[in-house]
Structures are given as structure tokens and as C-alpha cells.
Amino acid sequence: MAKENSFDIVSKTDYAEVTNAINQTTKEVSQRFDFKGSKATVELQGKDLLLSAEDETKLRNMNDILQGKLVKRGISLKALDYQKVEPAAGGTVRQTVKIQQGIPIDKAKEVVKFIKDSKLKVQASIQGETVRVSGKDRDTLQEVIAALKGKDFGIDMQFDNYRTN
């Protein structure tokens, strides 16, 4: 019987690296001249980031610093889902940033449809928050990975659990 090869398409964010990026951002904001006397903060609340500052300009500047720190730590900016900027108490503004963990079902369906439309001899199935791709030929699986890397689905994707059964 022929061997079946498979891999999983996942979307995982390392919260330890996110915490390190937040700490570095907080330190840089406290030392920068344009933030002197400012109450600008970045904090992790549950699985979301909460950014707050006096005005939208400072919020945007702090967000730029945070994004730079996240990229240096290997966190893709596609894993961040920015919500609307809203006014907060004391004349400040805040913004919630959701961190993507797992592939949303609509994006998973889009990935599976893309794989099926590629006409490669593989099967793709949605399993919870991951997509499993399996096929007989390893080279075909490599072609699927290359095709997926070439298309932007608007989400952060990693390929893991590559195995031969």
C-alpha cells in the first residue's frame, strides 16, 4: 500500500514573544522625548492587546514602535486584527488589537478551495482551527506549500506536523 504524507496549515502566535515586544515598547515609550509625561500604555488583556494614549497621533506612533518590536521577534503583522479607535476616560483614546490564534473557518474554507482549484492530487480538510493537507507524493505537498506561500490570504500561516504515515 502506498504511503500517505501530510502536513498541517496552522496559525499560531507565540504569546511569550508578544509579551517581550510589549515590554520593549513600554521601555522605549518611557524613554522617548515625544512621549514625555504621556500616559501611553500597551498591555495584554487576555488574548488581546489594549493600546491607549492621549490622542490618535501618539497612539499611532506607539503602534509603529510595537509593530517594529513584533517583527523583530518574528511575529507576523498579519496576526494582528485592529479594532476601531474609541474614546476613553479622561480625554484619552484606546484601541483593541485582537491577536489571531487558529485559522478562522471562512479563511480555512478559502484555503481548501484554493488547494482544490490548484488541481494537484492532494486532499485538504478542515480540522478545527487547522487545515490538513494529505497526498501520496511529497513533491506534490511541497508544490502546495509553495503555492500557498505565493498567495496572500490575509492571515498568518505556518506549515507544521509534516509526516509520512
C-alpha atoms as a PDB file:
ATOM      1  CA  MET A   1       0.000   0.000   0.000  1.00  0.00           C
ATOM      2  CA  ALA A   2       1.248   3.482  -0.830  1.00  0.00           C
ATOM      3  CA  LYS A   3       2.316   5.726   2.000  1.00  0.00           C
ATOM      4  CA  GLU A   4       0.235   8.770   2.809  1.00  0.00           C
ATOM      5  CA  ASN A   5       2.110  12.027   3.509  1.00  0.00           C
ATOM      6  CA  SER A   6       0.505  15.004   5.227  1.00  0.00           C
ATOM      7  CA  PHE A   7       1.107  18.393   6.810  1.00  0.00           C
ATOM      8  CA  ASP A   8      -0.975  20.901   8.755  1.00  0.00           C
ATOM      9  CA  ILE A   9      -1.574  24.560   7.965  1.00  0.00           C
ATOM     10  CA  VAL A  10      -1.831  26.396  11.278  1.00  0.00           C
ATOM     11  CA  SER A  11      -1.830  29.917  12.636  1.00  0.00           C
ATOM     12  CA  LYS A  12      -0.090  30.210  15.989  1.00  0.00           C
ATOM     13  CA  THR A  13       1.154  33.307  17.757  1.00  0.00           C
ATOM     14  CA  ASP A  14       3.832  32.974  20.429  1.00  0.00           C
ATOM     15  CA  TYR A  15       2.489  34.985  23.385  1.00  0.00           C
ATOM     16  CA  ALA A  16       5.892  34.959  25.123  1.00  0.00           C
ATOM     17  CA  GLU A  17       7.332  36.919  22.180  1.00  0.00           C
ATOM     18  CA  VAL A  18       4.305  39.247  22.196  1.00  0.00           C
ATOM     19  CA  THR A  19       4.906  39.934  25.909  1.00  0.00           C
ATOM     20  CA  ASN A  20       8.592  40.640  25.227  1.00  0.00           C
ATOM     21  CA  ALA A  21       7.648  43.063  22.415  1.00  0.00           C
ATOM     22  CA  ILE A  22       5.180  44.828  24.754  1.00  0.00           C
ATOM     23  CA  ASN A  23       7.883  45.201  27.421  1.00  0.00           C
ATOM     24  CA  GLN A  24      10.346  46.618  24.886  1.00  0.00           C
ATOM     25  CA  THR A  25       7.701  49.008  23.551  1.00  0.00           C
ATOM     26  CA  THR A  26       6.833  50.211  27.064  1.00  0.00           C
ATOM     27  CA  LYS A  27      10.512  50.832  27.793  1.00  0.00           C
ATOM     28  CA  GLU A  28      11.067  52.758  24.548  1.00  0.00           C
ATOM     29  CA  VAL A  29       7.901  54.847  25.026  1.00  0.00           C
ATOM     30  CA  SER A  30       9.017  55.799  28.560  1.00  0.00           C
ATOM     31  CA  GLN A  31      12.388  56.984  27.208  1.00  0.00           C
ATOM     32  CA  ARG A  32      11.263  58.864  24.090  1.00  0.00           C
ATOM     33  CA  PHE A  33      11.055  62.655  24.178  1.00  0.00           C
ATOM     34  CA  ASP A  34       7.752  62.872  22.262  1.00  0.00           C
ATOM     35  CA  PHE A  35       6.109  60.693  24.938  1.00  0.00           C
ATOM     36  CA  LYS A  36       7.421  62.643  27.999  1.00  0.00           C
ATOM     37  CA  GLY A  37       4.664  62.998  30.577  1.00  0.00           C
ATOM     38  CA  SER A  38       2.374  60.877  28.441  1.00  0.00           C
ATOM     39  CA  LYS A  39       0.083  58.163  29.750  1.00  0.00           C
ATOM     40  CA  ALA A  40       0.590  55.972  26.663  1.00  0.00           C
ATOM     41  CA  THR A  41       0.359  52.255  27.514  1.00  0.00           C
ATOM     42  CA  VAL A  42       0.321  48.880  25.810  1.00  0.00           C
ATOM     43  CA  GLU A  43      -0.960  45.895  27.742  1.00  0.00           C
ATOM     44  CA  LEU A  44      -2.028  42.330  27.139  1.00  0.00           C
ATOM     45  CA  GLN A  45      -5.589  41.700  28.323  1.00  0.00           C
ATOM     46  CA  GLY A  46      -6.447  38.057  27.970  1.00  0.00           C
ATOM     47  CA  LYS A  47      -5.597  37.286  24.356  1.00  0.00           C
ATOM     48  CA  ASP A  48      -5.930  40.873  23.085  1.00  0.00           C
ATOM     49  CA  LEU A  49      -3.676  43.912  23.157  1.00  0.00           C
ATOM     50  CA  LEU A  50      -5.011  47.195  24.542  1.00  0.00           C
ATOM     51  CA  LEU A  51      -3.293  50.376  23.365  1.00  0.00           C
ATOM     52  CA  SER A  52      -4.148  53.693  24.984  1.00  0.00           C
ATOM     53  CA  ALA A  53      -2.778  57.236  24.632  1.00  0.00           C
ATOM     54  CA  GLU A  54      -3.815  60.922  24.892  1.00  0.00           C
ATOM     55  CA  ASP A  55      -4.538  61.310  21.187  1.00  0.00           C
ATOM     56  CA  GLU A  56      -4.600  59.333  17.954  1.00  0.00           C
ATOM     57  CA  THR A  57      -1.169  60.604  16.854  1.00  0.00           C
ATOM     58  CA  LYS A  58       0.537  59.223  19.962  1.00  0.00           C
ATOM     59  CA  LEU A  59      -1.490  56.019  19.622  1.00  0.00           C
ATOM     60  CA  ARG A  60      -0.313  55.657  16.013  1.00  0.00           C
ATOM     61  CA  ASN A  61       3.325  56.372  16.957  1.00  0.00           C
ATOM     62  CA  MET A  62       3.202  53.838  19.776  1.00  0.00           C
ATOM     63  CA  ASN A  63       1.637  51.303  17.401  1.00  0.00           C
ATOM     64  CA  ASP A  64       4.533  51.830  14.952  1.00  0.00           C
ATOM     65  CA  ILE A  65       7.023  51.120  17.748  1.00  0.00           C
ATOM     66  CA  LEU A  66       5.080  47.997  18.774  1.00  0.00           C
ATOM     67  CA  GLN A  67       4.913  46.703  15.188  1.00  0.00           C
ATOM     68  CA  GLY A  68       8.673  47.124  14.808  1.00  0.00           C
ATOM     69  CA  LYS A  69       9.290  45.171  18.003  1.00  0.00           C
ATOM     70  CA  LEU A  70       6.864  42.402  16.962  1.00  0.00           C
ATOM     71  CA  VAL A  71       8.518  42.000  13.557  1.00  0.00           C
ATOM     72  CA  LYS A  72      11.982  41.789  15.159  1.00  0.00           C
ATOM     73  CA  ARG A  73      10.647  38.997  17.393  1.00  0.00           C
ATOM     74  CA  GLY A  74       9.238  37.015  14.461  1.00  0.00           C
ATOM     75  CA  ILE A  75       5.532  37.796  14.963  1.00  0.00           C
ATOM     76  CA  SER A  76       3.750  38.430  11.660  1.00  0.00           C
ATOM     77  CA  LEU A  77       1.709  41.630  11.474  1.00  0.00           C
ATOM     78  CA  LYS A  78      -0.988  39.593   9.672  1.00  0.00           C
ATOM     79  CA  ALA A  79      -1.733  38.023  13.055  1.00  0.00           C
ATOM     80  CA  LEU A  80      -2.999  41.405  14.329  1.00  0.00           C
ATOM     81  CA  ASP A  81      -6.619  42.491  13.813  1.00  0.00           C
ATOM     82  CA  TYR A  82      -7.042  46.186  14.639  1.00  0.00           C
ATOM     83  CA  GLN A  83     -10.398  47.303  16.001  1.00  0.00           C
ATOM     84  CA  LYS A  84     -11.814  50.831  15.828  1.00  0.00           C
ATOM     85  CA  VAL A  85     -10.143  53.620  17.834  1.00  0.00           C
ATOM     86  CA  GLU A  86     -12.561  54.658  20.574  1.00  0.00           C
ATOM     87  CA  PRO A  87     -12.582  57.484  23.126  1.00  0.00           C
ATOM     88  CA  ALA A  88     -11.782  56.527  26.705  1.00  0.00           C
ATOM     89  CA  ALA A  89     -11.999  58.211  30.106  1.00  0.00           C
ATOM     90  CA  GLY A  90     -10.010  61.379  30.777  1.00  0.00           C
ATOM     91  CA  GLY A  91      -9.838  62.559  27.172  1.00  0.00           C
ATOM     92  CA  THR A  92      -7.729  59.606  26.051  1.00  0.00           C
ATOM     93  CA  VAL A  93      -8.248  57.174  23.188  1.00  0.00           C
ATOM     94  CA  ARG A  94      -7.831  53.419  23.127  1.00  0.00           C
ATOM     95  CA  GLN A  95      -7.679  50.681  20.555  1.00  0.00           C
ATOM     96  CA  THR A  96      -8.092  46.934  20.950  1.00  0.00           C
ATOM     97  CA  VAL A  97      -5.914  44.682  18.804  1.00  0.00           C
ATOM     98  CA  LYS A  98      -7.044  41.071  18.534  1.00  0.00           C
ATOM     99  CA  ILE A  99      -4.272  38.507  18.128  1.00  0.00           C
ATOM    100  CA  GLN A 100      -5.128  35.724  15.710  1.00  0.00           C
ATOM    101  CA  GLN A 101      -4.830  32.230  17.130  1.00  0.00           C
ATOM    102  CA  GLY A 102      -6.003  29.490  14.790  1.00  0.00           C
ATOM    103  CA  ILE A 103      -7.407  29.834  11.286  1.00  0.00           C
ATOM    104  CA  PRO A 104     -10.949  31.289  11.141  1.00  0.00           C
ATOM    105  CA  ILE A 105     -13.430  28.941   9.448  1.00  0.00           C
ATOM    106  CA  ASP A 106     -14.100  31.283   6.493  1.00  0.00           C
ATOM    107  CA  LYS A 107     -10.367  31.607   5.770  1.00  0.00           C
ATOM    108  CA  ALA A 108      -9.935  27.830   6.174  1.00  0.00           C
ATOM    109  CA  LYS A 109     -12.642  27.280   3.534  1.00  0.00           C
ATOM    110  CA  GLU A 110     -10.865  29.753   1.254  1.00  0.00           C
ATOM    111  CA  VAL A 111      -7.549  27.856   1.694  1.00  0.00           C
ATOM    112  CA  VAL A 112      -9.214  24.482   0.982  1.00  0.00           C
ATOM    113  CA  LYS A 113     -10.925  25.904  -2.134  1.00  0.00           C
ATOM    114  CA  PHE A 114      -7.585  27.309  -3.351  1.00  0.00           C
ATOM    115  CA  ILE A 115      -5.911  23.914  -2.877  1.00  0.00           C
ATOM    116  CA  LYS A 116      -8.739  22.079  -4.697  1.00  0.00           C
ATOM    117  CA  ASP A 117      -8.651  24.622  -7.552  1.00  0.00           C
ATOM    118  CA  SER A 118      -4.899  24.046  -7.978  1.00  0.00           C
ATOM    119  CA  LYS A 119      -5.738  20.600  -9.480  1.00  0.00           C
ATOM    120  CA  LEU A 120      -2.887  18.947  -7.537  1.00  0.00           C
ATOM    121  CA  LYS A 121      -3.518  15.389  -6.356  1.00  0.00           C
ATOM    122  CA  VAL A 122      -3.966  16.142  -2.656  1.00  0.00           C
ATOM    123  CA  GLN A 123      -6.856  16.198  -0.211  1.00  0.00           C
ATOM    124  CA  ALA A 124      -7.425  19.169   2.089  1.00  0.00           C
ATOM    125  CA  SER A 125      -9.682  19.016   5.119  1.00  0.00           C
ATOM    126  CA  ILE A 126     -10.585  21.452   7.889  1.00  0.00           C
ATOM    127  CA  GLN A 127      -9.880  20.087  11.358  1.00  0.00           C
ATOM    128  CA  GLY A 128     -10.884  22.621  13.986  1.00  0.00           C
ATOM    129  CA  GLU A 129      -8.611  25.636  13.584  1.00  0.00           C
ATOM    130  CA  THR A 130      -6.148  23.865  11.268  1.00  0.00           C
ATOM    131  CA  VAL A 131      -6.218  22.629   7.690  1.00  0.00           C
ATOM    132  CA  ARG A 132      -4.697  19.194   6.991  1.00  0.00           C
ATOM    133  CA  VAL A 133      -3.348  18.506   3.538  1.00  0.00           C
ATOM    134  CA  SER A 134      -2.522  14.924   2.585  1.00  0.00           C
ATOM    135  CA  GLY A 135      -1.324  13.183  -0.548  1.00  0.00           C
ATOM    136  CA  LYS A 136       0.766  10.302  -1.809  1.00  0.00           C
ATOM    137  CA  ASP A 137       3.668  12.301  -3.243  1.00  0.00           C
ATOM    138  CA  ARG A 138       5.917  14.516  -1.094  1.00  0.00           C
ATOM    139  CA  ASP A 139       6.829  16.680  -4.075  1.00  0.00           C
ATOM    140  CA  THR A 140       3.158  17.484  -4.619  1.00  0.00           C
ATOM    141  CA  LEU A 141       2.858  18.575  -0.982  1.00  0.00           C
ATOM    142  CA  GLN A 142       5.891  20.829  -1.479  1.00  0.00           C
ATOM    143  CA  GLU A 143       4.160  22.359  -4.523  1.00  0.00           C
ATOM    144  CA  VAL A 144       1.049  23.027  -2.388  1.00  0.00           C
ATOM    145  CA  ILE A 145       3.176  24.771   0.267  1.00  0.00           C
ATOM    146  CA  ALA A 146       4.889  26.894  -2.414  1.00  0.00           C
ATOM    147  CA  ALA A 147       1.512  27.837  -3.947  1.00  0.00           C
ATOM    148  CA  LEU A 148       0.076  28.773  -0.534  1.00  0.00           C
ATOM    149  CA  LYS A 149       3.116  30.920   0.269  1.00  0.00           C
ATOM    150  CA  GLY A 150       2.633  32.698  -3.055  1.00  0.00           C
ATOM    151  CA  LYS A 151      -0.982  33.684  -2.339  1.00  0.00           C
ATOM    152  CA  ASP A 152      -1.957  36.193   0.344  1.00  0.00           C
ATOM    153  CA  PHE A 153      -4.973  35.038   2.373  1.00  0.00           C
ATOM    154  CA  GLY A 154      -4.672  37.951   4.837  1.00  0.00           C
ATOM    155  CA  ILE A 155      -3.786  35.611   7.708  1.00  0.00           C
ATOM    156  CA  ASP A 156      -0.554  34.403   9.251  1.00  0.00           C
ATOM    157  CA  MET A 157       0.072  30.780   8.224  1.00  0.00           C
ATOM    158  CA  GLN A 158       2.687  28.248   9.285  1.00  0.00           C
ATOM    159  CA  PHE A 159       3.190  24.738   7.980  1.00  0.00           C
ATOM    160  CA  ASP A 160       3.965  22.059  10.544  1.00  0.00           C
ATOM    161  CA  ASN A 161       3.393  18.439  11.504  1.00  0.00           C
ATOM    162  CA  TYR A 162       4.893  17.239   8.200  1.00  0.00           C
ATOM    163  CA  ARG A 163       4.751  13.452   8.383  1.00  0.00           C
ATOM    164  CA  THR A 164       4.754  10.192   6.490  1.00  0.00           C
ATOM    165  CA  ASN A 165       2.237   7.572   7.603  1.00  0.00           C
END
